[in-house]
Amino acid sequence: MLGGILPSYIILEWKKNHKGGTALLIEGARRIGKSYIVEEFARKEYASYILVDFSKVSPF
């Protein structure tokens, strides 16, 4: 799918182990599909989700 940037089993394991008690921080190079894979996971695993994209925040 995306060359194994963030295998889905890692996100599923996080969901199972933390049950919403912690956030998942995903770091990596720009433009490699981090946002895409997380959005796809959210669409498949949750009835609704909130997307927070700090790259689109305007400075004060």
PDB file of N, CA and C in Angstrom:
ATOM      1  N   MET A   1       0.828  -1.201   0.000  1.00  0.00           N
ATOM      2  CA  MET A   1       0.000   0.000   0.000  1.00  0.00           C
ATOM      3  C   MET A   1       0.864   1.253   0.000  1.00  0.00           C
ATOM      4  N   LEU A   2       1.541   1.543   1.091  1.00  0.00           N
ATOM      5  CA  LEU A   2       2.375   2.738   1.146  1.00  0.00           C
ATOM      6  C   LEU A   2       3.827   2.396   1.445  1.00  0.00           C
ATOM      7  N   GLY A   3       4.255   1.247   1.059  1.00  0.00           N
ATOM      8  CA  GLY A   3       5.643   0.877   1.258  1.00  0.00           C
ATOM      9  C   GLY A   3       6.021   0.633   2.708  1.00  0.00           C
ATOM     10  N   GLY A   4       5.042   0.356   3.561  1.00  0.00           N
ATOM     11  CA  GLY A   4       5.332   0.020   4.948  1.00  0.00           C
ATOM     12  C   GLY A   4       5.746   1.183   5.817  1.00  0.00           C
ATOM     13  N   ILE A   5       5.269   2.384   5.511  1.00  0.00           N
ATOM     14  CA  ILE A   5       5.610   3.545   6.336  1.00  0.00           C
ATOM     15  C   ILE A   5       5.200   3.284   7.778  1.00  0.00           C
ATOM     16  N   LEU A   6       3.957   2.948   7.951  1.00  0.00           N
ATOM     17  CA  LEU A   6       3.410   2.668   9.265  1.00  0.00           C
ATOM     18  C   LEU A   6       2.466   1.489   9.091  1.00  0.00           C
ATOM     19  N   PRO A   7       2.968   0.281   9.292  1.00  0.00           N
ATOM     20  CA  PRO A   7       2.113  -0.892   9.085  1.00  0.00           C
ATOM     21  C   PRO A   7       0.839  -0.799   9.916  1.00  0.00           C
ATOM     22  N   SER A   8      -0.275  -1.180   9.324  1.00  0.00           N
ATOM     23  CA  SER A   8      -1.565  -1.041   9.997  1.00  0.00           C
ATOM     24  C   SER A   8      -1.630  -1.826  11.296  1.00  0.00           C
ATOM     25  N   TYR A   9      -0.876  -2.931  11.404  1.00  0.00           N
ATOM     26  CA  TYR A   9      -0.934  -3.692  12.652  1.00  0.00           C
ATOM     27  C   TYR A   9      -0.408  -2.881  13.834  1.00  0.00           C
ATOM     28  N   ILE A  10       0.487  -1.939  13.590  1.00  0.00           N
ATOM     29  CA  ILE A  10       0.994  -1.091  14.681  1.00  0.00           C
ATOM     30  C   ILE A  10      -0.120  -0.189  15.198  1.00  0.00           C
ATOM     31  N   ILE A  11      -0.887   0.385  14.299  1.00  0.00           N
ATOM     32  CA  ILE A  11      -1.993   1.249  14.717  1.00  0.00           C
ATOM     33  C   ILE A  11      -3.075   0.420  15.398  1.00  0.00           C
ATOM     34  N   LEU A  12      -3.379  -0.759  14.867  1.00  0.00           N
ATOM     35  CA  LEU A  12      -4.386  -1.621  15.497  1.00  0.00           C
ATOM     36  C   LEU A  12      -3.943  -2.050  16.894  1.00  0.00           C
ATOM     37  N   GLU A  13      -2.668  -2.340  17.055  1.00  0.00           N
ATOM     38  CA  GLU A  13      -2.142  -2.713  18.372  1.00  0.00           C
ATOM     39  C   GLU A  13      -2.279  -1.543  19.340  1.00  0.00           C
ATOM     40  N   TRP A  14      -1.973  -0.328  18.881  1.00  0.00           N
ATOM     41  CA  TRP A  14      -2.134   0.868  19.717  1.00  0.00           C
ATOM     42  C   TRP A  14      -3.585   1.014  20.143  1.00  0.00           C
ATOM     43  N   LYS A  15      -4.520   0.847  19.201  1.00  0.00           N
ATOM     44  CA  LYS A  15      -5.945   0.986  19.510  1.00  0.00           C
ATOM     45  C   LYS A  15      -6.371  -0.041  20.566  1.00  0.00           C
ATOM     46  N   LYS A  16      -5.918  -1.266  20.401  1.00  0.00           N
ATOM     47  CA  LYS A  16      -6.288  -2.340  21.318  1.00  0.00           C
ATOM     48  C   LYS A  16      -5.691  -2.119  22.714  1.00  0.00           C
ATOM     49  N   ASN A  17      -4.443  -1.733  22.779  1.00  0.00           N
ATOM     50  CA  ASN A  17      -3.744  -1.613  24.058  1.00  0.00           C
ATOM     51  C   ASN A  17      -4.082  -0.354  24.848  1.00  0.00           C
ATOM     52  N   HIS A  18      -4.377   0.740  24.164  1.00  0.00           N
ATOM     53  CA  HIS A  18      -4.556   2.008  24.868  1.00  0.00           C
ATOM     54  C   HIS A  18      -6.002   2.444  25.002  1.00  0.00           C
ATOM     55  N   LYS A  19      -6.888   1.877  24.225  1.00  0.00           N
ATOM     56  CA  LYS A  19      -8.334   2.118  24.344  1.00  0.00           C
ATOM     57  C   LYS A  19      -8.694   3.602  24.491  1.00  0.00           C
ATOM     58  N   GLY A  20      -8.039   4.450  23.724  1.00  0.00           N
ATOM     59  CA  GLY A  20      -8.373   5.877  23.748  1.00  0.00           C
ATOM     60  C   GLY A  20      -7.744   6.657  24.883  1.00  0.00           C
ATOM     61  N   GLY A  21      -6.899   6.037  25.678  1.00  0.00           N
ATOM     62  CA  GLY A  21      -6.304   6.717  26.819  1.00  0.00           C
ATOM     63  C   GLY A  21      -5.088   7.555  26.491  1.00  0.00           C
ATOM     64  N   THR A  22      -4.487   7.328  25.328  1.00  0.00           N
ATOM     65  CA  THR A  22      -3.307   8.092  24.930  1.00  0.00           C
ATOM     66  C   THR A  22      -3.404   8.452  23.454  1.00  0.00           C
ATOM     67  N   ALA A  23      -2.646   9.445  23.089  1.00  0.00           N
ATOM     68  CA  ALA A  23      -2.575   9.841  21.679  1.00  0.00           C
ATOM     69  C   ALA A  23      -1.485   9.034  20.985  1.00  0.00           C
ATOM     70  N   LEU A  24      -1.571   8.958  19.693  1.00  0.00           N
ATOM     71  CA  LEU A  24      -0.559   8.284  18.887  1.00  0.00           C
ATOM     72  C   LEU A  24       0.207   9.352  18.113  1.00  0.00           C
ATOM     73  N   LEU A  25       1.501   9.470  18.371  1.00  0.00           N
ATOM     74  CA  LEU A  25       2.337  10.442  17.672  1.00  0.00           C
ATOM     75  C   LEU A  25       3.015   9.737  16.509  1.00  0.00           C
ATOM     76  N   ILE A  26       2.813  10.279  15.325  1.00  0.00           N
ATOM     77  CA  ILE A  26       3.425   9.707  14.125  1.00  0.00           C
ATOM     78  C   ILE A  26       4.389  10.736  13.563  1.00  0.00           C
ATOM     79  N   GLU A  27       5.652  10.362  13.504  1.00  0.00           N
ATOM     80  CA  GLU A  27       6.679  11.257  12.994  1.00  0.00           C
ATOM     81  C   GLU A  27       7.295  10.663  11.745  1.00  0.00           C
ATOM     82  N   GLY A  28       7.848  11.521  10.907  1.00  0.00           N
ATOM     83  CA  GLY A  28       8.524  11.044   9.719  1.00  0.00           C
ATOM     84  C   GLY A  28       8.754  12.171   8.732  1.00  0.00           C
ATOM     85  N   ALA A  29       9.389  11.826   7.643  1.00  0.00           N
ATOM     86  CA  ALA A  29       9.683  12.804   6.597  1.00  0.00           C
ATOM     87  C   ALA A  29       8.390  13.371   6.012  1.00  0.00           C
ATOM     88  N   ARG A  30       8.524  14.490   5.342  1.00  0.00           N
ATOM     89  CA  ARG A  30       7.368  15.121   4.710  1.00  0.00           C
ATOM     90  C   ARG A  30       6.924  14.330   3.489  1.00  0.00           C
ATOM     91  N   ARG A  31       5.620  14.381   3.229  1.00  0.00           N
ATOM     92  CA  ARG A  31       5.010  13.876   2.001  1.00  0.00           C
ATOM     93  C   ARG A  31       5.260  12.386   1.738  1.00  0.00           C
ATOM     94  N   ILE A  32       5.155  11.575   2.804  1.00  0.00           N
ATOM     95  CA  ILE A  32       5.306  10.141   2.591  1.00  0.00           C
ATOM     96  C   ILE A  32       4.032   9.367   2.907  1.00  0.00           C
ATOM     97  N   GLY A  33       2.952  10.080   3.267  1.00  0.00           N
ATOM     98  CA  GLY A  33       1.671   9.423   3.458  1.00  0.00           C
ATOM     99  C   GLY A  33       1.238   9.203   4.899  1.00  0.00           C
ATOM    100  N   LYS A  34       1.842   9.900   5.844  1.00  0.00           N
ATOM    101  CA  LYS A  34       1.464   9.735   7.246  1.00  0.00           C
ATOM    102  C   LYS A  34       0.002  10.097   7.466  1.00  0.00           C
ATOM    103  N   SER A  35      -0.410  11.237   6.989  1.00  0.00           N
ATOM    104  CA  SER A  35      -1.797  11.670   7.164  1.00  0.00           C
ATOM    105  C   SER A  35      -2.757  10.730   6.455  1.00  0.00           C
ATOM    106  N   TYR A  36      -2.387  10.304   5.276  1.00  0.00           N
ATOM    107  CA  TYR A  36      -3.242   9.419   4.494  1.00  0.00           C
ATOM    108  C   TYR A  36      -3.516   8.107   5.233  1.00  0.00           C
ATOM    109  N   ILE A  37      -2.481   7.473   5.735  1.00  0.00           N
ATOM    110  CA  ILE A  37      -2.665   6.177   6.375  1.00  0.00           C
ATOM    111  C   ILE A  37      -3.479   6.309   7.666  1.00  0.00           C
ATOM    112  N   VAL A  38      -3.294   7.392   8.403  1.00  0.00           N
ATOM    113  CA  VAL A  38      -4.058   7.593   9.633  1.00  0.00           C
ATOM    114  C   VAL A  38      -5.522   7.883   9.322  1.00  0.00           C
ATOM    115  N   GLU A  39      -5.785   8.692   8.285  1.00  0.00           N
ATOM    116  CA  GLU A  39      -7.171   8.957   7.904  1.00  0.00           C
ATOM    117  C   GLU A  39      -7.868   7.691   7.433  1.00  0.00           C
ATOM    118  N   GLU A  40      -7.194   6.875   6.667  1.00  0.00           N
ATOM    119  CA  GLU A  40      -7.777   5.609   6.212  1.00  0.00           C
ATOM    120  C   GLU A  40      -8.094   4.705   7.404  1.00  0.00           C
ATOM    121  N   PHE A  41      -7.186   4.641   8.359  1.00  0.00           N
ATOM    122  CA  PHE A  41      -7.422   3.863   9.572  1.00  0.00           C
ATOM    123  C   PHE A  41      -8.654   4.383  10.306  1.00  0.00           C
ATOM    124  N   ALA A  42      -8.757   5.684  10.474  1.00  0.00           N
ATOM    125  CA  ALA A  42      -9.896   6.281  11.180  1.00  0.00           C
ATOM    126  C   ALA A  42     -11.203   5.976  10.464  1.00  0.00           C
ATOM    127  N   ARG A  43     -11.217   6.080   9.161  1.00  0.00           N
ATOM    128  CA  ARG A  43     -12.439   5.790   8.394  1.00  0.00           C
ATOM    129  C   ARG A  43     -12.893   4.344   8.570  1.00  0.00           C
ATOM    130  N   LYS A  44     -11.924   3.432   8.636  1.00  0.00           N
ATOM    131  CA  LYS A  44     -12.252   2.001   8.729  1.00  0.00           C
ATOM    132  C   LYS A  44     -12.595   1.563  10.157  1.00  0.00           C
ATOM    133  N   GLU A  45     -11.973   2.168  11.148  1.00  0.00           N
ATOM    134  CA  GLU A  45     -12.083   1.675  12.523  1.00  0.00           C
ATOM    135  C   GLU A  45     -13.064   2.435  13.414  1.00  0.00           C
ATOM    136  N   TYR A  46     -13.473   3.639  13.024  1.00  0.00           N
ATOM    137  CA  TYR A  46     -14.333   4.454  13.879  1.00  0.00           C
ATOM    138  C   TYR A  46     -15.539   4.969  13.109  1.00  0.00           C
ATOM    139  N   ALA A  47     -16.647   5.147  13.822  1.00  0.00           N
ATOM    140  CA  ALA A  47     -17.854   5.706  13.207  1.00  0.00           C
ATOM    141  C   ALA A  47     -17.650   7.190  12.878  1.00  0.00           C
ATOM    142  N   SER A  48     -16.886   7.884  13.714  1.00  0.00           N
ATOM    143  CA  SER A  48     -16.557   9.288  13.453  1.00  0.00           C
ATOM    144  C   SER A  48     -15.171   9.556  14.024  1.00  0.00           C
ATOM    145  N   TYR A  49     -14.534  10.609  13.546  1.00  0.00           N
ATOM    146  CA  TYR A  49     -13.206  10.967  14.029  1.00  0.00           C
ATOM    147  C   TYR A  49     -12.980  12.450  13.826  1.00  0.00           C
ATOM    148  N   ILE A  50     -12.006  12.992  14.544  1.00  0.00           N
ATOM    149  CA  ILE A  50     -11.637  14.404  14.421  1.00  0.00           C
ATOM    150  C   ILE A  50     -10.221  14.454  13.864  1.00  0.00           C
ATOM    151  N   LEU A  51     -10.034  15.240  12.828  1.00  0.00           N
ATOM    152  CA  LEU A  51      -8.724  15.402  12.217  1.00  0.00           C
ATOM    153  C   LEU A  51      -8.135  16.738  12.672  1.00  0.00           C
ATOM    154  N   VAL A  52      -6.983  16.695  13.301  1.00  0.00           N
ATOM    155  CA  VAL A  52      -6.279  17.904  13.722  1.00  0.00           C
ATOM    156  C   VAL A  52      -5.012  17.978  12.888  1.00  0.00           C
ATOM    157  N   ASP A  53      -4.933  18.994  12.037  1.00  0.00           N
ATOM    158  CA  ASP A  53      -3.788  19.144  11.136  1.00  0.00           C
ATOM    159  C   ASP A  53      -3.061  20.432  11.501  1.00  0.00           C
ATOM    160  N   PHE A  54      -1.965  20.296  12.229  1.00  0.00           N
ATOM    161  CA  PHE A  54      -1.237  21.464  12.702  1.00  0.00           C
ATOM    162  C   PHE A  54      -0.518  22.206  11.577  1.00  0.00           C
ATOM    163  N   SER A  55      -0.390  21.614  10.433  1.00  0.00           N
ATOM    164  CA  SER A  55       0.252  22.307   9.325  1.00  0.00           C
ATOM    165  C   SER A  55      -0.648  23.394   8.743  1.00  0.00           C
ATOM    166  N   LYS A  56      -1.931  23.356   9.081  1.00  0.00           N
ATOM    167  CA  LYS A  56      -2.869  24.341   8.546  1.00  0.00           C
ATOM    168  C   LYS A  56      -3.258  25.402   9.573  1.00  0.00           C
ATOM    169  N   VAL A  57      -2.570  25.444  10.693  1.00  0.00           N
ATOM    170  CA  VAL A  57      -2.845  26.429  11.737  1.00  0.00           C
ATOM    171  C   VAL A  57      -2.174  27.737  11.360  1.00  0.00           C
ATOM    172  N   SER A  58      -2.930  28.818  11.435  1.00  0.00           N
ATOM    173  CA  SER A  58      -2.332  30.120  11.119  1.00  0.00           C
ATOM    174  C   SER A  58      -1.643  30.688  12.354  1.00  0.00           C
ATOM    175  N   PRO A  59      -0.544  31.406  12.163  1.00  0.00           N
ATOM    176  CA  PRO A  59       0.161  31.999  13.316  1.00  0.00           C
ATOM    177  C   PRO A  59      -0.663  33.104  13.955  1.00  0.00           C
ATOM    178  N   PHE A  60      -0.417  33.321  15.244  1.00  0.00           N
ATOM    179  CA  PHE A  60      -1.150  34.359  15.981  1.00  0.00           C
ATOM    180  C   PHE A  60      -0.570  35.709  15.723  1.00  0.00           C
TER     181      PHE A  60
END
